[in-house]
Structures are given as C-alpha cells and as structure tokens.
Amino acid sequence: MDYENTQEGTLVHRAQAGEEAAFREIVERYQTKVFSIIHGIVRQRNDVEDIAQQVFAKVYFSLRKFDFRSSLITWVYKITVNECYDYLRKRKVRKLVYESDLSEDEVRRTENSEPAIDHRPLADSNLARQDYVTKLLSKVSEEERTLLMLKEVEGHSVEELAGMTGMNENTIKVKLFRARQKLLKAAQRLDRAPGAV
C-alpha cells in the first residue's frame, strides 16, 4: 500500500509543511489511543496527561523526519511506548506490571534471593503479584510485551494489531504464540524457584 498517497499521508504532508490545523487534527485523531497506551503501561492516572504532552511534543518536533516507511499510528505508537519506558526509568518505578528496565543480572538476583519473612501477606499480595508479572514479562522482548499488552489488556484483534504495527496477521499470531510459550515456561521456572510468589 502506498501510504504516502492516502488521506492520512496528505494530512502528514500538510503538518510537515507547518500547517498547525493539520497537526491539531493528528492530535485529535490519536490522543485517545495515546492515552490508552500510556495508561496501559504506566498505570499512574495522574501522570498520563504529562506523558501524552511529551509524546505529542516529540511528534511535533520529529514530524518533518517522518519518512512514510510505516503508518503514522505505528510511528506515534513507538514514540509513545518509548516515552513510557523513559518515564519508568527516570522515576525508578519498581513493581509495575509493564516495567522493563531490569537487567538480566538484576532479574536473576531477584529470582534467586530468599524473601524476608513478612507478616503482612494480605497487604503485600498485590505488590507480590505485580512483581511476579514483572519477572515474567522481563522474559519476553519489548515487541512481544507490547503485542501482548495490546491483545490481552486492550483487547485489540489480530487484524487491528496488523494495521497498527504494519506486520501481517500470521506474523503477529506466531509472535503472540511464542510470547505466551515463553511466559508459560518462565512461570513454570518461577513457580519451582525457592521463595516463588
């Protein structure tokens, strides 16, 4: 598909030429999607708006470099995900479901460490569950994490994912299948590990 000559491609060209109304239209078209992605990753409602503003500032200043090798939504989507992970790294937020900046060594240390005896199991059960999911998600690539989030958390169809990522549907099905297999194996290993959640 010659994306550059679509209606959306024309809108991008207008925005690249400095037309403010065209950029506003891009923001209106994608802000709901951007907010949804940010909330899915960061889970901090009060920070979603700040991150979204950063995303659209980045889109605004980078739009001239957009080269039509992907669709605009795919490009905006990648900027959004990167901005979320930057936010998580800067804030040093731990135990969030989609946090991804643990190194392999940190993951190994976390998995192999004996937990301290805690007499507040109910109060900590949510954190423990999030920590467990974080460990599992560290076993798949960022792309696989993103696809899983869009499919399982946001409820997008494989067809919608294909439209957003530019991959064909069979590729997405294979990637999702492999990601689920990795999660399953990681869960089995974690469940056998000493002090598993």
N, C-alpha and C. Protein backbone atom coordinates (compact mmCIF):
# COMPACT_ATOMS: atom_id res chain seq x y z
N MET A 1 0.84 -1.19 0.00
CA MET A 1 0.00 0.00 0.00
C MET A 1 0.88 1.25 0.00
N ASP A 2 0.56 2.19 -0.89
CA ASP A 2 1.31 3.44 -0.97
C ASP A 2 0.75 4.40 0.07
N TYR A 3 1.27 4.27 1.28
CA TYR A 3 0.71 5.01 2.41
C TYR A 3 0.81 6.53 2.21
N GLU A 4 1.87 6.96 1.54
CA GLU A 4 2.12 8.39 1.39
C GLU A 4 0.99 9.09 0.63
N ASN A 5 0.31 8.35 -0.26
CA ASN A 5 -0.75 8.97 -1.07
C ASN A 5 -2.15 8.71 -0.53
N THR A 6 -2.24 8.28 0.72
CA THR A 6 -3.56 8.11 1.33
C THR A 6 -4.01 9.45 1.91
N GLN A 7 -5.24 9.48 2.39
CA GLN A 7 -5.78 10.70 3.01
C GLN A 7 -4.92 11.10 4.22
N GLU A 8 -4.53 10.08 4.99
CA GLU A 8 -3.69 10.36 6.15
C GLU A 8 -2.31 10.87 5.75
N GLY A 9 -1.78 10.29 4.66
CA GLY A 9 -0.49 10.74 4.14
C GLY A 9 -0.52 12.21 3.77
N THR A 10 -1.64 12.63 3.15
CA THR A 10 -1.82 14.04 2.78
C THR A 10 -1.84 14.92 4.03
N LEU A 11 -2.51 14.43 5.08
CA LEU A 11 -2.57 15.15 6.36
C LEU A 11 -1.17 15.33 6.93
N VAL A 12 -0.36 14.27 6.87
CA VAL A 12 1.01 14.34 7.37
C VAL A 12 1.81 15.37 6.58
N HIS A 13 1.68 15.35 5.24
CA HIS A 13 2.40 16.33 4.41
C HIS A 13 2.03 17.76 4.78
N ARG A 14 0.74 17.97 5.05
CA ARG A 14 0.29 19.32 5.44
C ARG A 14 0.93 19.73 6.77
N ALA A 15 0.96 18.78 7.72
CA ALA A 15 1.57 19.08 9.02
C ALA A 15 3.07 19.31 8.87
N GLN A 16 3.71 18.51 8.01
CA GLN A 16 5.16 18.67 7.79
C GLN A 16 5.47 20.04 7.17
N ALA A 17 4.51 20.57 6.42
CA ALA A 17 4.70 21.89 5.80
C ALA A 17 4.45 23.02 6.80
N GLY A 18 4.10 22.65 8.04
CA GLY A 18 3.93 23.65 9.08
C GLY A 18 2.50 24.11 9.30
N GLU A 19 1.54 23.37 8.73
CA GLU A 19 0.14 23.76 8.90
C GLU A 19 -0.36 23.32 10.29
N GLU A 20 -0.61 24.28 11.16
CA GLU A 20 -0.99 23.99 12.55
C GLU A 20 -2.30 23.20 12.62
N ALA A 21 -3.26 23.53 11.74
CA ALA A 21 -4.56 22.84 11.77
C ALA A 21 -4.39 21.35 11.48
N ALA A 22 -3.46 21.02 10.61
CA ALA A 22 -3.20 19.61 10.27
C ALA A 22 -2.61 18.88 11.48
N PHE A 23 -1.69 19.55 12.20
CA PHE A 23 -1.12 18.90 13.39
C PHE A 23 -2.19 18.71 14.46
N ARG A 24 -3.06 19.72 14.64
CA ARG A 24 -4.15 19.59 15.61
C ARG A 24 -5.04 18.40 15.27
N GLU A 25 -5.28 18.20 13.97
CA GLU A 25 -6.11 17.07 13.53
C GLU A 25 -5.43 15.73 13.87
N ILE A 26 -4.11 15.68 13.71
CA ILE A 26 -3.36 14.46 14.06
C ILE A 26 -3.51 14.19 15.56
N VAL A 27 -3.37 15.24 16.38
CA VAL A 27 -3.51 15.08 17.84
C VAL A 27 -4.91 14.56 18.18
N GLU A 28 -5.93 15.19 17.59
CA GLU A 28 -7.32 14.78 17.88
C GLU A 28 -7.56 13.34 17.45
N ARG A 29 -6.97 12.97 16.32
CA ARG A 29 -7.18 11.62 15.79
C ARG A 29 -6.56 10.55 16.68
N TYR A 30 -5.41 10.85 17.30
CA TYR A 30 -4.66 9.81 18.01
C TYR A 30 -4.60 9.98 19.52
N GLN A 31 -5.13 11.06 20.08
CA GLN A 31 -4.91 11.27 21.51
C GLN A 31 -5.56 10.19 22.37
N THR A 32 -6.75 9.70 21.98
CA THR A 32 -7.40 8.65 22.78
C THR A 32 -6.53 7.40 22.80
N LYS A 33 -6.00 7.03 21.63
CA LYS A 33 -5.14 5.85 21.53
C LYS A 33 -3.87 6.03 22.36
N VAL A 34 -3.26 7.22 22.28
CA VAL A 34 -2.03 7.50 23.03
C VAL A 34 -2.31 7.42 24.53
N PHE A 35 -3.41 8.03 24.99
CA PHE A 35 -3.76 7.98 26.41
C PHE A 35 -3.95 6.52 26.86
N SER A 36 -4.61 5.74 26.03
CA SER A 36 -4.89 4.34 26.37
C SER A 36 -3.59 3.55 26.50
N ILE A 37 -2.65 3.74 25.57
CA ILE A 37 -1.37 3.03 25.61
C ILE A 37 -0.60 3.43 26.87
N ILE A 38 -0.54 4.75 27.14
CA ILE A 38 0.21 5.22 28.31
C ILE A 38 -0.37 4.64 29.59
N HIS A 39 -1.68 4.69 29.70
CA HIS A 39 -2.31 4.16 30.92
C HIS A 39 -2.05 2.66 31.05
N GLY A 40 -2.06 1.94 29.93
CA GLY A 40 -1.80 0.50 29.96
C GLY A 40 -0.40 0.17 30.44
N ILE A 41 0.57 1.04 30.15
CA ILE A 41 1.96 0.76 30.53
C ILE A 41 2.29 1.33 31.90
N VAL A 42 1.91 2.59 32.12
CA VAL A 42 2.37 3.30 33.32
C VAL A 42 1.47 3.06 34.53
N ARG A 43 0.17 2.93 34.29
CA ARG A 43 -0.78 2.63 35.37
C ARG A 43 -0.88 3.74 36.41
N GLN A 44 -0.33 4.91 36.14
CA GLN A 44 -0.42 6.04 37.08
C GLN A 44 -1.28 7.10 36.42
N ARG A 45 -2.54 7.13 36.77
CA ARG A 45 -3.51 8.00 36.10
C ARG A 45 -3.06 9.47 36.08
N ASN A 46 -2.48 9.94 37.20
CA ASN A 46 -2.14 11.36 37.28
C ASN A 46 -0.95 11.75 36.40
N ASP A 47 -0.19 10.77 35.90
CA ASP A 47 0.96 11.08 35.05
C ASP A 47 0.66 10.90 33.57
N VAL A 48 -0.49 10.33 33.25
CA VAL A 48 -0.81 10.02 31.86
C VAL A 48 -0.81 11.28 30.99
N GLU A 49 -1.42 12.34 31.50
CA GLU A 49 -1.53 13.57 30.71
C GLU A 49 -0.15 14.18 30.44
N ASP A 50 0.72 14.19 31.46
CA ASP A 50 2.07 14.74 31.28
C ASP A 50 2.84 13.97 30.20
N ILE A 51 2.74 12.65 30.26
CA ILE A 51 3.45 11.82 29.29
C ILE A 51 2.88 12.04 27.89
N ALA A 52 1.55 12.14 27.80
CA ALA A 52 0.90 12.38 26.50
C ALA A 52 1.38 13.70 25.90
N GLN A 53 1.52 14.72 26.74
CA GLN A 53 2.03 16.01 26.25
C GLN A 53 3.44 15.86 25.70
N GLN A 54 4.26 15.07 26.42
CA GLN A 54 5.63 14.82 25.95
C GLN A 54 5.62 14.10 24.61
N VAL A 55 4.72 13.11 24.49
CA VAL A 55 4.61 12.34 23.25
C VAL A 55 4.29 13.28 22.08
N PHE A 56 3.27 14.11 22.26
CA PHE A 56 2.86 14.97 21.14
C PHE A 56 3.87 16.08 20.87
N ALA A 57 4.62 16.49 21.90
CA ALA A 57 5.71 17.45 21.66
C ALA A 57 6.77 16.79 20.78
N LYS A 58 7.07 15.53 21.09
CA LYS A 58 8.07 14.79 20.32
C LYS A 58 7.58 14.57 18.88
N VAL A 59 6.29 14.22 18.75
CA VAL A 59 5.70 14.04 17.41
C VAL A 59 5.82 15.35 16.64
N TYR A 60 5.49 16.46 17.29
CA TYR A 60 5.52 17.77 16.63
C TYR A 60 6.91 18.08 16.09
N PHE A 61 7.93 17.89 16.96
CA PHE A 61 9.29 18.28 16.56
C PHE A 61 9.96 17.24 15.64
N SER A 62 9.43 16.03 15.61
CA SER A 62 10.05 14.98 14.78
C SER A 62 9.30 14.73 13.48
N LEU A 63 8.14 15.34 13.33
CA LEU A 63 7.26 15.01 12.20
C LEU A 63 7.93 15.25 10.85
N ARG A 64 8.78 16.28 10.78
CA ARG A 64 9.46 16.56 9.50
C ARG A 64 10.33 15.39 9.06
N LYS A 65 10.81 14.59 10.04
CA LYS A 65 11.68 13.45 9.71
C LYS A 65 10.88 12.19 9.37
N PHE A 66 9.55 12.24 9.58
CA PHE A 66 8.72 11.05 9.30
C PHE A 66 8.83 10.72 7.81
N ASP A 67 9.20 9.47 7.50
CA ASP A 67 9.54 9.12 6.11
C ASP A 67 8.57 8.15 5.43
N PHE A 68 7.41 7.90 6.05
CA PHE A 68 6.36 7.07 5.45
C PHE A 68 6.75 5.60 5.28
N ARG A 69 7.79 5.17 6.00
CA ARG A 69 8.12 3.73 5.92
C ARG A 69 7.14 2.89 6.73
N SER A 70 6.42 3.54 7.64
CA SER A 70 5.35 2.86 8.38
C SER A 70 4.14 3.78 8.34
N SER A 71 3.04 3.33 8.93
CA SER A 71 1.88 4.22 9.03
C SER A 71 2.15 5.20 10.16
N LEU A 72 1.42 6.29 10.17
CA LEU A 72 1.62 7.31 11.20
C LEU A 72 1.31 6.74 12.59
N ILE A 73 0.24 5.94 12.70
CA ILE A 73 -0.13 5.39 14.02
C ILE A 73 0.98 4.50 14.56
N THR A 74 1.64 3.73 13.69
CA THR A 74 2.75 2.88 14.13
C THR A 74 3.88 3.74 14.67
N TRP A 75 4.18 4.81 13.97
CA TRP A 75 5.26 5.72 14.36
C TRP A 75 4.92 6.41 15.68
N VAL A 76 3.69 6.93 15.80
CA VAL A 76 3.24 7.59 17.03
C VAL A 76 3.25 6.58 18.18
N TYR A 77 2.82 5.36 17.88
CA TYR A 77 2.77 4.29 18.87
C TYR A 77 4.16 4.01 19.44
N LYS A 78 5.18 3.93 18.55
CA LYS A 78 6.55 3.66 19.02
C LYS A 78 7.06 4.79 19.89
N ILE A 79 6.77 6.03 19.50
CA ILE A 79 7.18 7.18 20.31
C ILE A 79 6.53 7.09 21.70
N THR A 80 5.25 6.72 21.71
CA THR A 80 4.50 6.64 22.99
C THR A 80 5.11 5.58 23.91
N VAL A 81 5.36 4.40 23.36
CA VAL A 81 5.94 3.31 24.17
C VAL A 81 7.32 3.72 24.71
N ASN A 82 8.15 4.32 23.84
CA ASN A 82 9.49 4.74 24.28
C ASN A 82 9.40 5.80 25.37
N GLU A 83 8.46 6.72 25.23
CA GLU A 83 8.29 7.78 26.22
C GLU A 83 7.88 7.18 27.57
N CYS A 84 7.02 6.16 27.53
CA CYS A 84 6.58 5.48 28.76
C CYS A 84 7.76 4.80 29.46
N TYR A 85 8.58 4.09 28.67
CA TYR A 85 9.72 3.40 29.27
C TYR A 85 10.75 4.40 29.79
N ASP A 86 10.92 5.54 29.10
CA ASP A 86 11.81 6.58 29.60
C ASP A 86 11.30 7.10 30.94
N TYR A 87 10.00 7.32 31.01
CA TYR A 87 9.38 7.79 32.25
C TYR A 87 9.64 6.80 33.39
N LEU A 88 9.43 5.51 33.11
CA LEU A 88 9.62 4.50 34.15
C LEU A 88 11.08 4.44 34.60
N ARG A 89 11.99 4.56 33.65
CA ARG A 89 13.41 4.53 34.02
C ARG A 89 13.77 5.75 34.86
N LYS A 90 13.30 6.92 34.44
CA LYS A 90 13.64 8.15 35.17
C LYS A 90 13.09 8.12 36.59
N ARG A 91 11.89 7.63 36.74
CA ARG A 91 11.25 7.61 38.05
C ARG A 91 11.72 6.44 38.91
N LYS A 92 12.47 5.54 38.32
CA LYS A 92 12.92 4.32 39.02
C LYS A 92 11.73 3.59 39.64
N VAL A 93 10.64 3.55 38.90
CA VAL A 93 9.45 2.89 39.42
C VAL A 93 9.66 1.38 39.36
N ARG A 94 9.41 0.74 40.48
CA ARG A 94 9.56 -0.72 40.56
C ARG A 94 8.20 -1.36 40.78
N LYS A 95 8.13 -2.65 40.49
CA LYS A 95 6.94 -3.46 40.75
C LYS A 95 5.73 -2.99 39.95
N LEU A 96 5.95 -2.37 38.79
CA LEU A 96 4.82 -2.04 37.91
C LEU A 96 4.69 -3.16 36.89
N VAL A 97 3.47 -3.40 36.50
CA VAL A 97 3.21 -4.56 35.64
C VAL A 97 4.04 -4.54 34.36
N TYR A 98 4.23 -3.36 33.74
CA TYR A 98 4.92 -3.35 32.45
C TYR A 98 6.29 -2.72 32.52
N GLU A 99 6.89 -2.67 33.72
CA GLU A 99 8.21 -2.08 33.84
C GLU A 99 9.24 -3.01 33.22
N SER A 100 10.19 -2.43 32.48
CA SER A 100 11.03 -3.33 31.68
C SER A 100 12.52 -3.02 31.76
N ASP A 101 12.97 -2.23 32.74
CA ASP A 101 14.37 -1.84 32.70
C ASP A 101 15.27 -2.68 33.60
N LEU A 102 14.79 -3.81 34.11
CA LEU A 102 15.66 -4.69 34.89
C LEU A 102 16.65 -5.37 33.96
N SER A 103 17.92 -5.36 34.34
CA SER A 103 18.90 -6.09 33.55
C SER A 103 18.75 -7.58 33.86
N GLU A 104 19.36 -8.41 33.02
CA GLU A 104 19.30 -9.86 33.24
C GLU A 104 19.85 -10.23 34.62
N ASP A 105 20.97 -9.55 35.02
CA ASP A 105 21.58 -9.84 36.33
C ASP A 105 20.63 -9.48 37.46
N GLU A 106 19.96 -8.33 37.34
CA GLU A 106 19.02 -7.92 38.38
C GLU A 106 17.86 -8.91 38.48
N VAL A 107 17.38 -9.36 37.32
CA VAL A 107 16.28 -10.33 37.31
C VAL A 107 16.72 -11.61 38.01
N ARG A 108 17.95 -12.08 37.66
CA ARG A 108 18.46 -13.31 38.27
C ARG A 108 18.61 -13.16 39.78
N ARG A 109 19.17 -12.01 40.20
CA ARG A 109 19.33 -11.78 41.64
C ARG A 109 17.98 -11.77 42.35
N THR A 110 17.01 -11.10 41.72
CA THR A 110 15.67 -11.01 42.32
C THR A 110 15.05 -12.40 42.44
N GLU A 111 15.21 -13.19 41.38
CA GLU A 111 14.61 -14.53 41.40
C GLU A 111 15.27 -15.45 42.41
N ASN A 112 16.59 -15.29 42.59
CA ASN A 112 17.33 -16.23 43.44
C ASN A 112 17.40 -15.80 44.90
N SER A 113 16.98 -14.58 45.19
CA SER A 113 17.09 -14.13 46.57
C SER A 113 15.97 -14.72 47.42
N GLU A 114 16.32 -15.08 48.64
CA GLU A 114 15.32 -15.61 49.58
C GLU A 114 14.50 -14.43 50.11
N PRO A 115 13.20 -14.49 50.06
CA PRO A 115 12.42 -13.36 50.56
C PRO A 115 12.47 -13.28 52.09
N ALA A 116 12.42 -12.07 52.60
CA ALA A 116 12.36 -11.90 54.05
C ALA A 116 10.98 -12.36 54.53
N ILE A 117 10.91 -12.89 55.76
CA ILE A 117 9.62 -13.34 56.29
C ILE A 117 8.76 -12.12 56.54
N ASP A 118 7.58 -12.15 56.02
CA ASP A 118 6.71 -10.98 56.11
C ASP A 118 5.41 -11.40 56.78
N HIS A 119 4.99 -10.63 57.78
CA HIS A 119 3.77 -10.99 58.50
C HIS A 119 2.57 -10.20 58.01
N ARG A 120 2.69 -9.59 56.82
CA ARG A 120 1.56 -8.84 56.25
C ARG A 120 1.23 -9.37 54.86
N PRO A 121 0.97 -10.67 54.73
CA PRO A 121 0.78 -11.24 53.39
C PRO A 121 -0.37 -10.61 52.61
N LEU A 122 -1.47 -10.26 53.27
CA LEU A 122 -2.61 -9.69 52.54
C LEU A 122 -2.27 -8.31 52.00
N ALA A 123 -1.62 -7.50 52.83
CA ALA A 123 -1.27 -6.14 52.40
C ALA A 123 -0.30 -6.16 51.23
N ASP A 124 0.57 -7.15 51.19
CA ASP A 124 1.60 -7.20 50.15
C ASP A 124 1.25 -8.08 48.96
N SER A 125 0.08 -8.70 48.99
CA SER A 125 -0.22 -9.67 47.92
C SER A 125 -0.28 -9.02 46.55
N ASN A 126 -0.81 -7.78 46.47
CA ASN A 126 -0.87 -7.10 45.17
C ASN A 126 0.52 -6.79 44.65
N LEU A 127 1.39 -6.27 45.53
CA LEU A 127 2.76 -5.98 45.11
C LEU A 127 3.47 -7.26 44.68
N ALA A 128 3.24 -8.32 45.43
CA ALA A 128 3.89 -9.59 45.10
C ALA A 128 3.42 -10.08 43.73
N ARG A 129 2.13 -9.93 43.47
CA ARG A 129 1.58 -10.38 42.18
C ARG A 129 2.16 -9.54 41.04
N GLN A 130 2.26 -8.22 41.26
CA GLN A 130 2.83 -7.34 40.23
C GLN A 130 4.29 -7.67 40.00
N ASP A 131 5.01 -7.95 41.08
CA ASP A 131 6.42 -8.32 40.97
C ASP A 131 6.56 -9.61 40.16
N TYR A 132 5.68 -10.55 40.41
CA TYR A 132 5.67 -11.83 39.70
C TYR A 132 5.46 -11.60 38.20
N VAL A 133 4.46 -10.75 37.88
CA VAL A 133 4.17 -10.47 36.47
C VAL A 133 5.34 -9.72 35.83
N THR A 134 5.96 -8.80 36.58
CA THR A 134 7.13 -8.07 36.06
C THR A 134 8.24 -9.05 35.70
N LYS A 135 8.49 -10.01 36.58
CA LYS A 135 9.53 -11.01 36.31
C LYS A 135 9.19 -11.79 35.05
N LEU A 136 7.93 -12.18 34.92
CA LEU A 136 7.52 -12.94 33.73
C LEU A 136 7.71 -12.11 32.47
N LEU A 137 7.26 -10.86 32.51
CA LEU A 137 7.34 -10.02 31.31
C LEU A 137 8.77 -9.66 30.94
N SER A 138 9.69 -9.77 31.91
CA SER A 138 11.09 -9.48 31.58
C SER A 138 11.68 -10.58 30.69
N LYS A 139 10.96 -11.70 30.57
CA LYS A 139 11.46 -12.83 29.78
C LYS A 139 11.09 -12.72 28.30
N VAL A 140 10.27 -11.73 27.95
CA VAL A 140 9.91 -11.56 26.54
C VAL A 140 10.45 -10.22 26.06
N SER A 141 10.57 -10.07 24.74
CA SER A 141 11.12 -8.84 24.17
C SER A 141 10.11 -7.70 24.33
N GLU A 142 10.59 -6.47 24.12
CA GLU A 142 9.71 -5.31 24.20
C GLU A 142 8.57 -5.43 23.18
N GLU A 143 8.92 -5.91 21.99
CA GLU A 143 7.89 -6.08 20.94
C GLU A 143 6.82 -7.08 21.39
N GLU A 144 7.27 -8.20 21.97
CA GLU A 144 6.32 -9.22 22.43
C GLU A 144 5.46 -8.68 23.57
N ARG A 145 6.09 -7.93 24.50
CA ARG A 145 5.35 -7.33 25.61
C ARG A 145 4.27 -6.40 25.08
N THR A 146 4.66 -5.60 24.09
CA THR A 146 3.73 -4.63 23.51
C THR A 146 2.55 -5.33 22.84
N LEU A 147 2.84 -6.37 22.06
CA LEU A 147 1.77 -7.12 21.38
C LEU A 147 0.84 -7.76 22.41
N LEU A 148 1.42 -8.35 23.45
CA LEU A 148 0.60 -8.98 24.49
C LEU A 148 -0.29 -7.95 25.18
N MET A 149 0.29 -6.77 25.46
CA MET A 149 -0.48 -5.73 26.12
C MET A 149 -1.67 -5.30 25.25
N LEU A 150 -1.39 -5.07 23.97
CA LEU A 150 -2.46 -4.62 23.07
C LEU A 150 -3.53 -5.68 22.89
N LYS A 151 -3.11 -6.95 22.83
CA LYS A 151 -4.07 -8.04 22.59
C LYS A 151 -4.83 -8.39 23.87
N GLU A 152 -4.09 -8.64 24.96
CA GLU A 152 -4.71 -9.18 26.17
C GLU A 152 -5.26 -8.11 27.10
N VAL A 153 -4.59 -6.94 27.16
CA VAL A 153 -5.04 -5.90 28.08
C VAL A 153 -6.03 -4.96 27.40
N GLU A 154 -5.66 -4.50 26.19
CA GLU A 154 -6.54 -3.55 25.50
C GLU A 154 -7.60 -4.23 24.64
N GLY A 155 -7.43 -5.52 24.38
CA GLY A 155 -8.46 -6.28 23.66
C GLY A 155 -8.52 -6.06 22.16
N HIS A 156 -7.39 -5.65 21.56
CA HIS A 156 -7.39 -5.47 20.10
C HIS A 156 -7.36 -6.82 19.40
N SER A 157 -7.95 -6.86 18.21
CA SER A 157 -7.93 -8.08 17.41
C SER A 157 -6.59 -8.18 16.69
N VAL A 158 -6.28 -9.38 16.18
CA VAL A 158 -5.05 -9.58 15.41
C VAL A 158 -5.06 -8.67 14.18
N GLU A 159 -6.23 -8.52 13.58
CA GLU A 159 -6.36 -7.66 12.39
C GLU A 159 -6.01 -6.20 12.74
N GLU A 160 -6.50 -5.73 13.90
CA GLU A 160 -6.18 -4.36 14.33
C GLU A 160 -4.68 -4.21 14.62
N LEU A 161 -4.11 -5.22 15.24
CA LEU A 161 -2.67 -5.18 15.52
C LEU A 161 -1.87 -5.09 14.23
N ALA A 162 -2.31 -5.81 13.22
CA ALA A 162 -1.63 -5.78 11.92
C ALA A 162 -1.66 -4.36 11.35
N GLY A 163 -2.82 -3.71 11.46
CA GLY A 163 -2.94 -2.33 10.98
C GLY A 163 -2.06 -1.36 11.74
N MET A 164 -1.91 -1.59 13.04
CA MET A 164 -1.13 -0.67 13.87
C MET A 164 0.38 -0.87 13.71
N THR A 165 0.80 -2.12 13.52
CA THR A 165 2.24 -2.41 13.53
C THR A 165 2.83 -2.55 12.14
N GLY A 166 1.97 -2.75 11.13
CA GLY A 166 2.49 -2.96 9.78
C GLY A 166 2.93 -4.40 9.52
N MET A 167 2.80 -5.29 10.54
CA MET A 167 3.12 -6.71 10.34
C MET A 167 1.90 -7.43 9.79
N ASN A 168 2.13 -8.57 9.12
CA ASN A 168 0.94 -9.30 8.66
C ASN A 168 0.37 -10.14 9.81
N GLU A 169 -0.88 -10.56 9.63
CA GLU A 169 -1.61 -11.22 10.73
C GLU A 169 -0.94 -12.51 11.18
N ASN A 170 -0.43 -13.31 10.21
CA ASN A 170 0.22 -14.57 10.58
C ASN A 170 1.46 -14.33 11.43
N THR A 171 2.23 -13.31 11.07
CA THR A 171 3.43 -12.97 11.86
C THR A 171 3.03 -12.64 13.29
N ILE A 172 1.97 -11.84 13.43
CA ILE A 172 1.52 -11.44 14.78
C ILE A 172 1.06 -12.67 15.56
N LYS A 173 0.30 -13.57 14.91
CA LYS A 173 -0.16 -14.79 15.59
C LYS A 173 1.03 -15.61 16.09
N VAL A 174 2.06 -15.74 15.23
CA VAL A 174 3.24 -16.52 15.61
C VAL A 174 3.96 -15.85 16.79
N LYS A 175 4.10 -14.50 16.72
CA LYS A 175 4.79 -13.78 17.79
C LYS A 175 4.03 -13.89 19.11
N LEU A 176 2.70 -13.78 19.04
CA LEU A 176 1.89 -13.91 20.26
C LEU A 176 2.00 -15.32 20.83
N PHE A 177 1.97 -16.32 19.94
CA PHE A 177 2.07 -17.72 20.39
C PHE A 177 3.41 -17.93 21.10
N ARG A 178 4.50 -17.45 20.46
CA ARG A 178 5.84 -17.63 21.06
C ARG A 178 5.95 -16.88 22.38
N ALA A 179 5.39 -15.68 22.43
CA ALA A 179 5.45 -14.88 23.67
C ALA A 179 4.73 -15.61 24.79
N ARG A 180 3.54 -16.19 24.48
CA ARG A 180 2.78 -16.92 25.51
C ARG A 180 3.56 -18.16 25.97
N GLN A 181 4.22 -18.83 25.02
CA GLN A 181 5.02 -20.01 25.37
C GLN A 181 6.16 -19.61 26.32
N LYS A 182 6.82 -18.49 26.01
CA LYS A 182 7.92 -18.00 26.87
C LYS A 182 7.39 -17.69 28.27
N LEU A 183 6.23 -17.04 28.33
CA LEU A 183 5.64 -16.70 29.63
C LEU A 183 5.31 -17.95 30.42
N LEU A 184 4.77 -18.95 29.72
CA LEU A 184 4.41 -20.21 30.37
C LEU A 184 5.65 -20.87 30.96
N LYS A 185 6.73 -20.96 30.15
CA LYS A 185 7.98 -21.58 30.65
C LYS A 185 8.56 -20.78 31.81
N ALA A 186 8.53 -19.44 31.68
CA ALA A 186 9.06 -18.59 32.76
C ALA A 186 8.25 -18.79 34.04
N ALA A 187 6.93 -18.92 33.90
CA ALA A 187 6.06 -19.13 35.06
C ALA A 187 6.38 -20.45 35.73
N GLN A 188 6.61 -21.49 34.92
CA GLN A 188 6.95 -22.81 35.49
C GLN A 188 8.27 -22.75 36.25
N ARG A 189 9.26 -22.01 35.66
CA ARG A 189 10.56 -21.88 36.34
C ARG A 189 10.42 -21.09 37.63
N LEU A 190 9.67 -20.00 37.58
CA LEU A 190 9.48 -19.17 38.77
C LEU A 190 8.77 -19.94 39.88
N ASP A 191 7.75 -20.72 39.48
CA ASP A 191 6.98 -21.49 40.47
C ASP A 191 7.83 -22.54 41.16
N ARG A 192 8.89 -23.02 40.44
CA ARG A 192 9.78 -24.03 41.05
C ARG A 192 10.90 -23.39 41.87
N ALA A 193 11.11 -22.07 41.65
CA ALA A 193 12.23 -21.38 42.31
C ALA A 193 11.95 -21.24 43.80
N PRO A 194 13.01 -21.23 44.62
CA PRO A 194 12.81 -21.05 46.07
C PRO A 194 12.17 -19.68 46.33
N GLY A 195 11.21 -19.66 47.21
CA GLY A 195 10.57 -18.41 47.57
C GLY A 195 9.71 -17.83 46.49
N ALA A 196 9.22 -18.67 45.57
CA ALA A 196 8.37 -18.18 44.48
C ALA A 196 7.08 -17.61 45.05
N VAL A 197 6.56 -16.63 44.32
CA VAL A 197 5.32 -15.98 44.77
C VAL A 197 4.17 -16.96 44.66
